[in-house]
Each structure stands twice: as C-alpha cells, then as structure tokens.
N, C-alpha and C. Protein backbone atom coordinates (compact mmCIF):
# COMPACT_ATOMS: atom_id res chain seq x y z
N MET A 1 124.48 96.61 106.20
CA MET A 1 123.72 95.52 106.76
C MET A 1 123.56 94.42 105.72
N ALA A 2 123.88 93.20 106.09
CA ALA A 2 123.78 92.08 105.17
C ALA A 2 122.32 91.68 104.96
N LEU A 3 122.02 91.32 103.74
CA LEU A 3 120.67 90.87 103.41
C LEU A 3 120.52 89.41 103.83
N ARG A 4 119.35 89.09 104.35
CA ARG A 4 119.08 87.69 104.72
C ARG A 4 118.85 86.86 103.46
N THR A 5 119.23 85.60 103.55
CA THR A 5 119.06 84.68 102.41
C THR A 5 118.32 83.44 102.88
N PHE A 6 117.75 82.75 101.92
CA PHE A 6 117.07 81.49 102.22
C PHE A 6 118.08 80.45 102.70
N LYS A 7 117.64 79.62 103.62
CA LYS A 7 118.45 78.51 104.12
C LYS A 7 118.11 77.25 103.33
N ASP A 8 118.84 76.18 103.57
CA ASP A 8 118.63 74.93 102.82
C ASP A 8 117.18 74.45 102.89
N GLY A 9 116.60 74.46 104.07
CA GLY A 9 115.21 74.02 104.22
C GLY A 9 114.25 74.90 103.44
N ASP A 10 114.55 76.19 103.36
CA ASP A 10 113.72 77.12 102.59
C ASP A 10 113.79 76.78 101.10
N LEU A 11 114.96 76.33 100.65
CA LEU A 11 115.13 76.01 99.23
C LEU A 11 114.31 74.79 98.84
N VAL A 12 114.13 73.86 99.77
CA VAL A 12 113.26 72.70 99.52
C VAL A 12 111.82 73.19 99.36
N THR A 13 111.40 74.09 100.23
CA THR A 13 110.06 74.67 100.15
C THR A 13 109.90 75.48 98.87
N LEU A 14 110.94 76.20 98.49
CA LEU A 14 110.93 76.97 97.25
C LEU A 14 110.68 76.05 96.06
N ALA A 15 111.37 74.94 95.98
CA ALA A 15 111.19 74.00 94.87
C ALA A 15 109.77 73.45 94.85
N GLU A 16 109.22 73.15 96.03
CA GLU A 16 107.85 72.65 96.10
C GLU A 16 106.86 73.72 95.63
N ALA A 17 107.06 74.95 96.07
CA ALA A 17 106.16 76.05 95.67
C ALA A 17 106.22 76.27 94.17
N LEU A 18 107.40 76.21 93.60
CA LEU A 18 107.55 76.39 92.15
C LEU A 18 106.84 75.28 91.39
N ASP A 19 106.95 74.06 91.88
CA ASP A 19 106.28 72.92 91.25
C ASP A 19 104.75 73.11 91.27
N VAL A 20 104.23 73.51 92.42
CA VAL A 20 102.79 73.75 92.55
C VAL A 20 102.35 74.89 91.63
N ALA A 21 103.10 75.99 91.65
CA ALA A 21 102.75 77.16 90.84
C ALA A 21 102.78 76.84 89.35
N GLU A 22 103.80 76.14 88.92
CA GLU A 22 103.89 75.79 87.50
C GLU A 22 102.75 74.86 87.10
N GLY A 23 102.44 73.88 87.93
CA GLY A 23 101.34 72.97 87.63
C GLY A 23 100.00 73.69 87.55
N MET A 24 99.73 74.56 88.51
CA MET A 24 98.47 75.30 88.53
C MET A 24 98.37 76.26 87.35
N THR A 25 99.47 76.93 87.03
CA THR A 25 99.49 77.87 85.91
C THR A 25 99.33 77.12 84.59
N SER A 26 99.99 75.99 84.45
CA SER A 26 99.86 75.16 83.25
C SER A 26 98.41 74.70 83.07
N ASP A 27 97.81 74.24 84.14
CA ASP A 27 96.42 73.78 84.07
C ASP A 27 95.49 74.93 83.68
N PHE A 28 95.67 76.08 84.28
CA PHE A 28 94.81 77.23 84.01
C PHE A 28 94.89 77.66 82.55
N PHE A 29 96.10 77.75 82.01
CA PHE A 29 96.28 78.20 80.63
C PHE A 29 96.28 77.03 79.64
N LYS A 30 96.14 75.81 80.16
CA LYS A 30 96.15 74.60 79.34
C LYS A 30 97.45 74.50 78.53
N PHE A 31 98.57 74.69 79.25
CA PHE A 31 99.89 74.65 78.65
C PHE A 31 100.45 73.24 78.71
N SER A 32 101.12 72.87 77.66
CA SER A 32 101.86 71.62 77.63
C SER A 32 103.33 71.92 77.93
N TYR A 33 104.11 70.89 78.06
CA TYR A 33 105.55 71.06 78.26
C TYR A 33 106.17 71.85 77.11
N ALA A 34 105.69 71.61 75.89
CA ALA A 34 106.22 72.30 74.71
C ALA A 34 106.00 73.81 74.81
N VAL A 35 104.88 74.22 75.34
CA VAL A 35 104.61 75.66 75.48
C VAL A 35 105.56 76.26 76.51
N TRP A 36 105.80 75.55 77.63
CA TRP A 36 106.76 76.07 78.61
C TRP A 36 108.14 76.20 78.01
N LYS A 37 108.51 75.30 77.08
CA LYS A 37 109.83 75.40 76.44
C LYS A 37 109.96 76.70 75.66
N LYS A 38 108.85 77.22 75.16
CA LYS A 38 108.86 78.50 74.43
C LYS A 38 108.90 79.68 75.40
N ASN A 39 108.55 79.45 76.64
CA ASN A 39 108.52 80.49 77.67
C ASN A 39 109.49 80.10 78.79
N GLN A 40 110.74 79.90 78.44
CA GLN A 40 111.72 79.41 79.40
C GLN A 40 112.01 80.43 80.49
N TYR A 41 112.26 79.89 81.68
CA TYR A 41 112.60 80.73 82.82
C TYR A 41 113.49 79.97 83.77
N ASP A 42 114.11 80.72 84.65
CA ASP A 42 114.91 80.14 85.71
C ASP A 42 114.68 80.99 86.96
N VAL A 43 115.03 80.47 88.09
CA VAL A 43 114.84 81.17 89.36
C VAL A 43 116.20 81.48 89.96
N LYS A 44 116.33 82.71 90.44
CA LYS A 44 117.54 83.12 91.16
C LYS A 44 117.13 83.53 92.57
N THR A 45 117.98 83.18 93.51
CA THR A 45 117.79 83.66 94.88
C THR A 45 118.89 84.68 95.17
N ALA A 46 118.87 85.25 96.34
CA ALA A 46 119.78 86.35 96.69
C ALA A 46 121.24 86.02 96.41
N GLU A 47 121.63 84.79 96.63
CA GLU A 47 123.04 84.44 96.47
C GLU A 47 123.53 84.53 95.03
N SER A 48 122.61 84.51 94.06
CA SER A 48 123.05 84.56 92.66
C SER A 48 122.57 85.81 91.93
N LEU A 49 122.04 86.79 92.68
CA LEU A 49 121.55 88.01 92.04
C LEU A 49 122.68 88.99 91.76
N ALA A 50 122.58 89.64 90.61
CA ALA A 50 123.47 90.75 90.29
C ALA A 50 122.96 91.98 91.05
N PRO A 51 123.81 92.95 91.31
CA PRO A 51 123.35 94.14 92.05
C PRO A 51 122.11 94.80 91.45
N ASP A 52 121.99 94.81 90.12
CA ASP A 52 120.81 95.42 89.47
C ASP A 52 119.53 94.62 89.69
N ASP A 53 119.66 93.37 90.12
CA ASP A 53 118.48 92.52 90.34
C ASP A 53 117.92 92.64 91.75
N VAL A 54 118.62 93.35 92.62
CA VAL A 54 118.19 93.47 94.02
C VAL A 54 117.20 94.63 94.14
N SER A 55 116.11 94.36 94.85
CA SER A 55 115.08 95.38 95.08
C SER A 55 114.86 95.53 96.57
N THR A 56 114.58 96.75 96.99
CA THR A 56 114.29 96.99 98.41
C THR A 56 112.79 97.04 98.67
N TYR A 57 111.96 96.82 97.65
CA TYR A 57 110.51 96.87 97.85
C TYR A 57 109.77 95.68 97.25
N ALA A 58 110.29 95.07 96.20
CA ALA A 58 109.59 93.97 95.53
C ALA A 58 109.93 92.64 96.20
N LEU A 59 109.02 91.68 96.07
CA LEU A 59 109.26 90.33 96.56
C LEU A 59 109.99 89.49 95.50
N ALA A 60 109.79 89.87 94.25
CA ALA A 60 110.48 89.22 93.14
C ALA A 60 110.61 90.24 92.01
N VAL A 61 111.66 90.08 91.24
CA VAL A 61 111.90 90.93 90.07
C VAL A 61 112.01 90.00 88.88
N LEU A 62 111.29 90.33 87.82
CA LEU A 62 111.33 89.51 86.61
C LEU A 62 112.25 90.18 85.59
N ARG A 63 113.27 89.47 85.17
CA ARG A 63 114.21 89.98 84.18
C ARG A 63 114.08 89.15 82.90
N ARG A 64 114.27 89.81 81.78
CA ARG A 64 114.18 89.12 80.49
C ARG A 64 115.52 89.16 79.79
N GLY A 65 115.83 88.08 79.15
CA GLY A 65 117.02 88.00 78.31
C GLY A 65 116.62 87.40 76.97
N THR A 66 117.52 87.41 76.03
CA THR A 66 117.24 86.78 74.74
C THR A 66 118.32 85.78 74.43
N GLN A 67 117.92 84.78 73.69
CA GLN A 67 118.83 83.72 73.29
C GLN A 67 118.76 83.65 71.77
N LYS A 68 119.90 83.77 71.14
CA LYS A 68 119.93 83.73 69.67
C LYS A 68 119.51 82.36 69.16
N GLY A 69 118.86 82.35 68.01
CA GLY A 69 118.50 81.10 67.37
C GLY A 69 119.74 80.40 66.85
N SER A 70 119.61 79.15 66.51
CA SER A 70 120.76 78.36 66.08
C SER A 70 121.41 78.91 64.82
N ASN A 71 120.62 79.60 63.99
CA ASN A 71 121.19 80.17 62.76
C ASN A 71 121.70 81.60 62.97
N GLY A 72 121.54 82.16 64.17
CA GLY A 72 122.02 83.50 64.48
C GLY A 72 121.09 84.62 64.02
N TRP A 73 119.93 84.30 63.45
CA TRP A 73 119.00 85.32 62.96
C TRP A 73 118.24 85.93 64.11
N LYS A 74 118.07 87.24 64.05
CA LYS A 74 117.34 87.95 65.10
C LYS A 74 115.89 87.45 65.17
N SER A 75 115.29 87.12 64.04
CA SER A 75 113.90 86.67 64.03
C SER A 75 113.71 85.34 64.75
N LYS A 76 114.78 84.62 64.96
CA LYS A 76 114.70 83.32 65.64
C LYS A 76 115.10 83.42 67.11
N GLU A 77 115.32 84.64 67.62
CA GLU A 77 115.68 84.80 69.02
C GLU A 77 114.53 84.35 69.92
N LYS A 78 114.88 83.80 71.05
CA LYS A 78 113.88 83.38 72.03
C LYS A 78 114.09 84.17 73.31
N ASN A 79 113.01 84.53 73.93
CA ASN A 79 113.09 85.19 75.24
C ASN A 79 113.22 84.13 76.32
N PHE A 80 113.95 84.46 77.34
CA PHE A 80 113.94 83.65 78.56
C PHE A 80 113.90 84.63 79.72
N TYR A 81 113.42 84.15 80.83
CA TYR A 81 113.16 85.02 81.97
C TYR A 81 113.87 84.49 83.21
N PHE A 82 114.20 85.41 84.08
CA PHE A 82 114.74 85.07 85.40
C PHE A 82 113.78 85.62 86.44
N ILE A 83 113.27 84.75 87.28
CA ILE A 83 112.49 85.17 88.44
C ILE A 83 113.51 85.38 89.56
N CYS A 84 113.77 86.63 89.86
CA CYS A 84 114.79 86.99 90.86
C CYS A 84 114.10 87.20 92.21
N LEU A 85 114.09 86.15 93.01
CA LEU A 85 113.46 86.26 94.32
C LEU A 85 114.28 87.18 95.22
N GLN A 86 113.57 87.95 96.00
CA GLN A 86 114.20 88.87 96.94
C GLN A 86 114.09 88.24 98.33
N ASP A 87 115.01 87.35 98.62
CA ASP A 87 114.99 86.58 99.87
C ASP A 87 114.74 87.49 101.08
N ASP A 88 115.51 88.55 101.17
CA ASP A 88 115.44 89.43 102.33
C ASP A 88 114.04 90.02 102.50
N GLN A 89 113.44 90.47 101.41
CA GLN A 89 112.11 91.07 101.49
C GLN A 89 111.06 90.03 101.88
N ILE A 90 111.16 88.84 101.30
CA ILE A 90 110.22 87.76 101.61
C ILE A 90 110.35 87.37 103.08
N LEU A 91 111.56 87.21 103.56
CA LEU A 91 111.78 86.83 104.96
C LEU A 91 111.32 87.92 105.92
N LYS A 92 111.47 89.19 105.53
CA LYS A 92 110.96 90.29 106.37
C LYS A 92 109.45 90.22 106.50
N VAL A 93 108.76 89.96 105.39
CA VAL A 93 107.30 89.86 105.43
C VAL A 93 106.88 88.70 106.32
N LEU A 94 107.55 87.57 106.18
CA LEU A 94 107.22 86.40 107.00
C LEU A 94 107.47 86.67 108.49
N GLN A 95 108.53 87.41 108.79
CA GLN A 95 108.83 87.73 110.18
C GLN A 95 107.79 88.70 110.75
N ARG A 96 107.35 89.64 109.92
CA ARG A 96 106.40 90.66 110.35
C ARG A 96 104.98 90.08 110.54
N ASP A 97 104.61 89.11 109.69
CA ASP A 97 103.25 88.56 109.72
C ASP A 97 103.33 87.07 110.03
N LYS A 98 103.12 86.73 111.28
CA LYS A 98 103.27 85.34 111.74
C LYS A 98 102.19 84.41 111.18
N GLU A 99 101.13 84.97 110.58
CA GLU A 99 100.08 84.14 109.97
C GLU A 99 100.52 83.57 108.62
N LEU A 100 101.51 84.20 108.00
CA LEU A 100 102.01 83.74 106.70
C LEU A 100 102.90 82.53 106.88
N SER A 101 102.86 81.67 105.88
CA SER A 101 103.77 80.52 105.82
C SER A 101 104.51 80.58 104.49
N LEU A 102 105.73 80.08 104.49
CA LEU A 102 106.58 80.19 103.31
C LEU A 102 105.98 79.50 102.09
N LEU A 103 105.47 78.29 102.22
CA LEU A 103 104.98 77.55 101.05
C LEU A 103 103.84 78.28 100.33
N PRO A 104 102.77 78.67 101.00
CA PRO A 104 101.71 79.36 100.26
C PRO A 104 102.14 80.74 99.75
N PHE A 105 103.00 81.41 100.50
CA PHE A 105 103.47 82.73 100.08
C PHE A 105 104.31 82.61 98.81
N LEU A 106 105.25 81.68 98.78
CA LEU A 106 106.07 81.48 97.58
C LEU A 106 105.23 80.96 96.42
N THR A 107 104.23 80.13 96.71
CA THR A 107 103.34 79.64 95.65
C THR A 107 102.65 80.82 94.97
N TYR A 108 102.18 81.77 95.78
CA TYR A 108 101.55 82.97 95.22
C TYR A 108 102.56 83.78 94.40
N ILE A 109 103.73 84.01 94.95
CA ILE A 109 104.76 84.81 94.26
C ILE A 109 105.13 84.16 92.93
N PHE A 110 105.39 82.86 92.94
CA PHE A 110 105.77 82.17 91.70
C PHE A 110 104.63 82.19 90.69
N THR A 111 103.42 81.92 91.14
CA THR A 111 102.29 81.93 90.21
C THR A 111 102.15 83.30 89.57
N HIS A 112 102.28 84.34 90.37
CA HIS A 112 102.21 85.71 89.88
C HIS A 112 103.26 85.96 88.78
N GLU A 113 104.49 85.56 89.04
CA GLU A 113 105.56 85.79 88.06
C GLU A 113 105.37 84.92 86.82
N LEU A 114 104.88 83.70 86.99
CA LEU A 114 104.62 82.85 85.83
C LEU A 114 103.51 83.43 84.95
N VAL A 115 102.50 84.04 85.57
CA VAL A 115 101.44 84.69 84.79
C VAL A 115 102.04 85.82 83.96
N HIS A 116 102.94 86.60 84.54
CA HIS A 116 103.63 87.64 83.75
C HIS A 116 104.33 87.01 82.54
N ILE A 117 105.07 85.93 82.77
CA ILE A 117 105.80 85.27 81.69
C ILE A 117 104.84 84.81 80.60
N VAL A 118 103.73 84.21 80.99
CA VAL A 118 102.73 83.76 80.02
C VAL A 118 102.21 84.94 79.21
N ARG A 119 101.89 86.02 79.90
CA ARG A 119 101.32 87.19 79.22
C ARG A 119 102.35 87.84 78.28
N PHE A 120 103.60 87.91 78.70
CA PHE A 120 104.63 88.45 77.81
C PHE A 120 104.84 87.52 76.61
N GLY A 121 104.93 86.22 76.87
CA GLY A 121 105.17 85.24 75.81
C GLY A 121 104.02 85.11 74.84
N SER A 122 102.82 85.43 75.29
CA SER A 122 101.62 85.36 74.43
C SER A 122 101.29 86.71 73.80
N PHE A 123 102.13 87.69 74.03
CA PHE A 123 101.96 89.04 73.50
C PHE A 123 100.69 89.71 73.99
N LEU A 124 100.25 89.34 75.19
CA LEU A 124 99.10 90.01 75.80
C LEU A 124 99.54 91.28 76.52
N GLN A 125 100.83 91.37 76.79
CA GLN A 125 101.41 92.54 77.44
C GLN A 125 102.85 92.66 76.99
N ARG A 126 103.30 93.86 76.75
CA ARG A 126 104.70 94.10 76.40
C ARG A 126 105.54 94.09 77.68
N TYR A 127 106.75 93.56 77.56
CA TYR A 127 107.66 93.56 78.70
C TYR A 127 108.02 95.00 79.07
N GLU A 128 108.29 95.83 78.07
CA GLU A 128 108.57 97.23 78.30
C GLU A 128 107.23 97.96 78.31
N ALA A 129 106.92 98.60 79.40
CA ALA A 129 105.64 99.30 79.51
C ALA A 129 105.81 100.55 80.35
N SER A 130 104.91 101.49 80.14
CA SER A 130 104.93 102.72 80.93
C SER A 130 104.52 102.40 82.36
N ALA A 131 104.77 103.34 83.25
CA ALA A 131 104.41 103.15 84.66
C ALA A 131 102.91 102.91 84.81
N VAL A 132 102.10 103.64 84.07
CA VAL A 132 100.64 103.47 84.14
C VAL A 132 100.25 102.08 83.68
N ASN A 133 100.82 101.63 82.56
CA ASN A 133 100.49 100.30 82.05
C ASN A 133 101.02 99.19 82.96
N ARG A 134 102.18 99.43 83.60
CA ARG A 134 102.70 98.43 84.55
C ARG A 134 101.75 98.27 85.72
N LYS A 135 101.19 99.36 86.21
CA LYS A 135 100.24 99.30 87.34
C LYS A 135 99.00 98.51 86.93
N LYS A 136 98.47 98.79 85.74
CA LYS A 136 97.31 98.05 85.24
C LYS A 136 97.64 96.57 85.09
N GLU A 137 98.83 96.30 84.55
CA GLU A 137 99.25 94.91 84.36
C GLU A 137 99.37 94.19 85.70
N GLU A 138 99.91 94.85 86.71
CA GLU A 138 100.01 94.23 88.03
C GLU A 138 98.63 93.85 88.56
N ASN A 139 97.65 94.72 88.41
CA ASN A 139 96.30 94.41 88.88
C ASN A 139 95.71 93.23 88.12
N ILE A 140 95.91 93.20 86.81
CA ILE A 140 95.42 92.08 85.99
C ILE A 140 96.08 90.79 86.44
N VAL A 141 97.39 90.82 86.64
CA VAL A 141 98.13 89.61 87.03
C VAL A 141 97.71 89.14 88.42
N HIS A 142 97.48 90.06 89.35
CA HIS A 142 96.98 89.66 90.68
C HIS A 142 95.61 88.99 90.54
N ALA A 143 94.75 89.52 89.68
CA ALA A 143 93.42 88.93 89.49
C ALA A 143 93.52 87.53 88.89
N ILE A 144 94.37 87.35 87.90
CA ILE A 144 94.55 86.03 87.29
C ILE A 144 95.17 85.06 88.29
N THR A 145 96.14 85.53 89.05
CA THR A 145 96.79 84.69 90.07
C THR A 145 95.75 84.19 91.07
N PHE A 146 94.86 85.08 91.51
CA PHE A 146 93.78 84.69 92.41
C PHE A 146 92.92 83.60 91.76
N ASP A 147 92.54 83.82 90.50
CA ASP A 147 91.68 82.86 89.82
C ASP A 147 92.36 81.50 89.69
N ILE A 148 93.65 81.48 89.46
CA ILE A 148 94.39 80.23 89.35
C ILE A 148 94.43 79.49 90.69
N LEU A 149 94.63 80.22 91.77
CA LEU A 149 94.89 79.59 93.07
C LEU A 149 93.68 79.47 93.99
N LYS A 150 92.57 80.10 93.65
CA LYS A 150 91.45 80.20 94.60
C LYS A 150 90.90 78.87 95.07
N ASN A 151 91.02 77.82 94.29
CA ASN A 151 90.48 76.51 94.70
C ASN A 151 91.56 75.52 95.10
N LEU A 152 92.79 75.98 95.21
CA LEU A 152 93.89 75.10 95.61
C LEU A 152 93.83 74.85 97.11
N PRO A 153 93.71 73.59 97.52
CA PRO A 153 93.62 73.30 98.96
C PRO A 153 95.00 73.27 99.62
N LEU A 154 95.57 74.43 99.78
CA LEU A 154 96.89 74.56 100.40
C LEU A 154 96.73 75.35 101.69
N ARG A 155 97.18 74.78 102.77
CA ARG A 155 97.04 75.40 104.09
C ARG A 155 97.58 76.83 104.09
N LYS A 156 96.79 77.76 104.58
CA LYS A 156 97.09 79.18 104.73
C LYS A 156 97.17 79.96 103.41
N LEU A 157 96.84 79.30 102.28
CA LEU A 157 96.81 80.04 101.02
C LEU A 157 95.67 81.05 101.01
N ASP A 158 94.56 80.72 101.64
CA ASP A 158 93.44 81.67 101.70
C ASP A 158 93.87 82.98 102.37
N TYR A 159 94.75 82.88 103.34
CA TYR A 159 95.26 84.08 104.02
C TYR A 159 96.07 84.94 103.05
N VAL A 160 96.89 84.30 102.24
CA VAL A 160 97.69 85.03 101.25
C VAL A 160 96.77 85.67 100.21
N LEU A 161 95.80 84.91 99.72
CA LEU A 161 94.88 85.45 98.71
C LEU A 161 94.11 86.65 99.25
N GLU A 162 93.72 86.59 100.50
CA GLU A 162 93.00 87.71 101.12
C GLU A 162 93.94 88.92 101.27
N ALA A 163 95.19 88.67 101.57
CA ALA A 163 96.15 89.76 101.75
C ALA A 163 96.34 90.56 100.46
N TYR A 164 96.17 89.92 99.31
CA TYR A 164 96.34 90.59 98.02
C TYR A 164 95.01 90.98 97.38
N ARG A 165 93.93 90.92 98.14
CA ARG A 165 92.60 91.24 97.61
C ARG A 165 92.54 92.61 96.96
N ASP A 166 93.07 93.62 97.61
CA ASP A 166 92.97 95.00 97.10
C ASP A 166 93.77 95.22 95.82
N TYR A 167 94.70 94.33 95.50
CA TYR A 167 95.48 94.47 94.28
C TYR A 167 94.77 93.90 93.06
N ARG A 168 93.63 93.23 93.27
CA ARG A 168 92.92 92.60 92.17
C ARG A 168 91.85 93.49 91.57
N ILE A 169 91.80 94.73 91.93
CA ILE A 169 90.74 95.60 91.47
C ILE A 169 91.03 96.03 90.04
N CYS A 170 90.37 95.35 89.11
CA CYS A 170 90.52 95.66 87.69
C CYS A 170 89.42 94.94 86.93
N GLU A 171 89.30 95.27 85.67
CA GLU A 171 88.32 94.59 84.82
C GLU A 171 89.04 93.53 84.01
N VAL A 172 88.73 92.28 84.31
CA VAL A 172 89.34 91.16 83.61
C VAL A 172 88.24 90.16 83.29
N ASP A 173 88.22 89.70 82.05
CA ASP A 173 87.27 88.68 81.65
C ASP A 173 88.02 87.37 81.54
N PHE A 174 87.70 86.41 82.40
CA PHE A 174 88.39 85.12 82.39
C PHE A 174 87.73 84.09 81.51
N SER A 175 86.66 84.45 80.80
CA SER A 175 85.96 83.45 79.98
C SER A 175 86.66 83.17 78.68
C-alpha cells in the first residue's frame, strides 16, 4: 500500500506552520538568528525520506547528523537536524479527526521538534537516551510546547493543545 504524501497546497501550509513555530520558539527561548545558525535543521517530507526515516507510529522523526568544521577537527563539528515529517501518519490523523486542521496541527508538531533541537543544542538533553529518559523528555517537550503555544491566537490550536494535554504530565519549571 502506497503511503499518502502532502500535496502542493499542503506544502504551502507546511511552510506557514514552520514559520509560526520557529518564530514562537525563538521568542520563547529568546533566540536570535545567530543561535538558530548553531542549531541548524531542515525539513523532509515523505518524498525525500530514506527508508530508515519512515515511521508507522510517529508524526515526525528527528534525525541528527554532523558537519565537519572547516579545519576538519572533530571538536569543531556542528550538529544539524532533519525533521522528518510522516505525511501518511499526519494525514491519517487529520482524516480520522475532522476537528483538526493542518495549520495548527503542523504548528504543534514543528514547535515540538524545534524544542527538541533547542534542548539537544543547549545540552539540556542528550540525543542518545534510554527509553525511560526518552519518555521523560517527551513529556517535558510536550509541556514546553504547550507553554510556547498556549497564547497563540491560531484557529483550532486550542483543540490541538487539549488533545496533547495528557502528554504534559511532568515536573517542569519554566521560570
């Protein structure tokens, strides 16, 4: 069975959601453009995913790569990330739940993945983690994502935030 992929109109919405998510995440963490340059990322959709990047349960998979420094020294390597959207999974959720809309849903997904990138880049969490620590990290990231987006006046975003309420159960100090 072929996996569904985003259409051209969806890609326009995807770009808008990414712009909103990056702006909100930057504001929350008080990031400048220079900080984002240190935490580089790119987005892949189903059409450009390698077989190892495809998931049958996740909405997005975050992959990390390294880029050698100009002098070739390991100490100067930079991490970069790929947000591998799972078009088929996202479209299935949208088909199943008619209350969801693509823009707020993708905004949540992107913000969530950007929070992971920030936390990995700031050494608040290791990219390689045990299953127990990954579960804790997911709860922390859902809580931070909620805090970032809770006041964003985006139609139907409140529905998305409520849908992920149970994933935010953790102890996080945002002060």
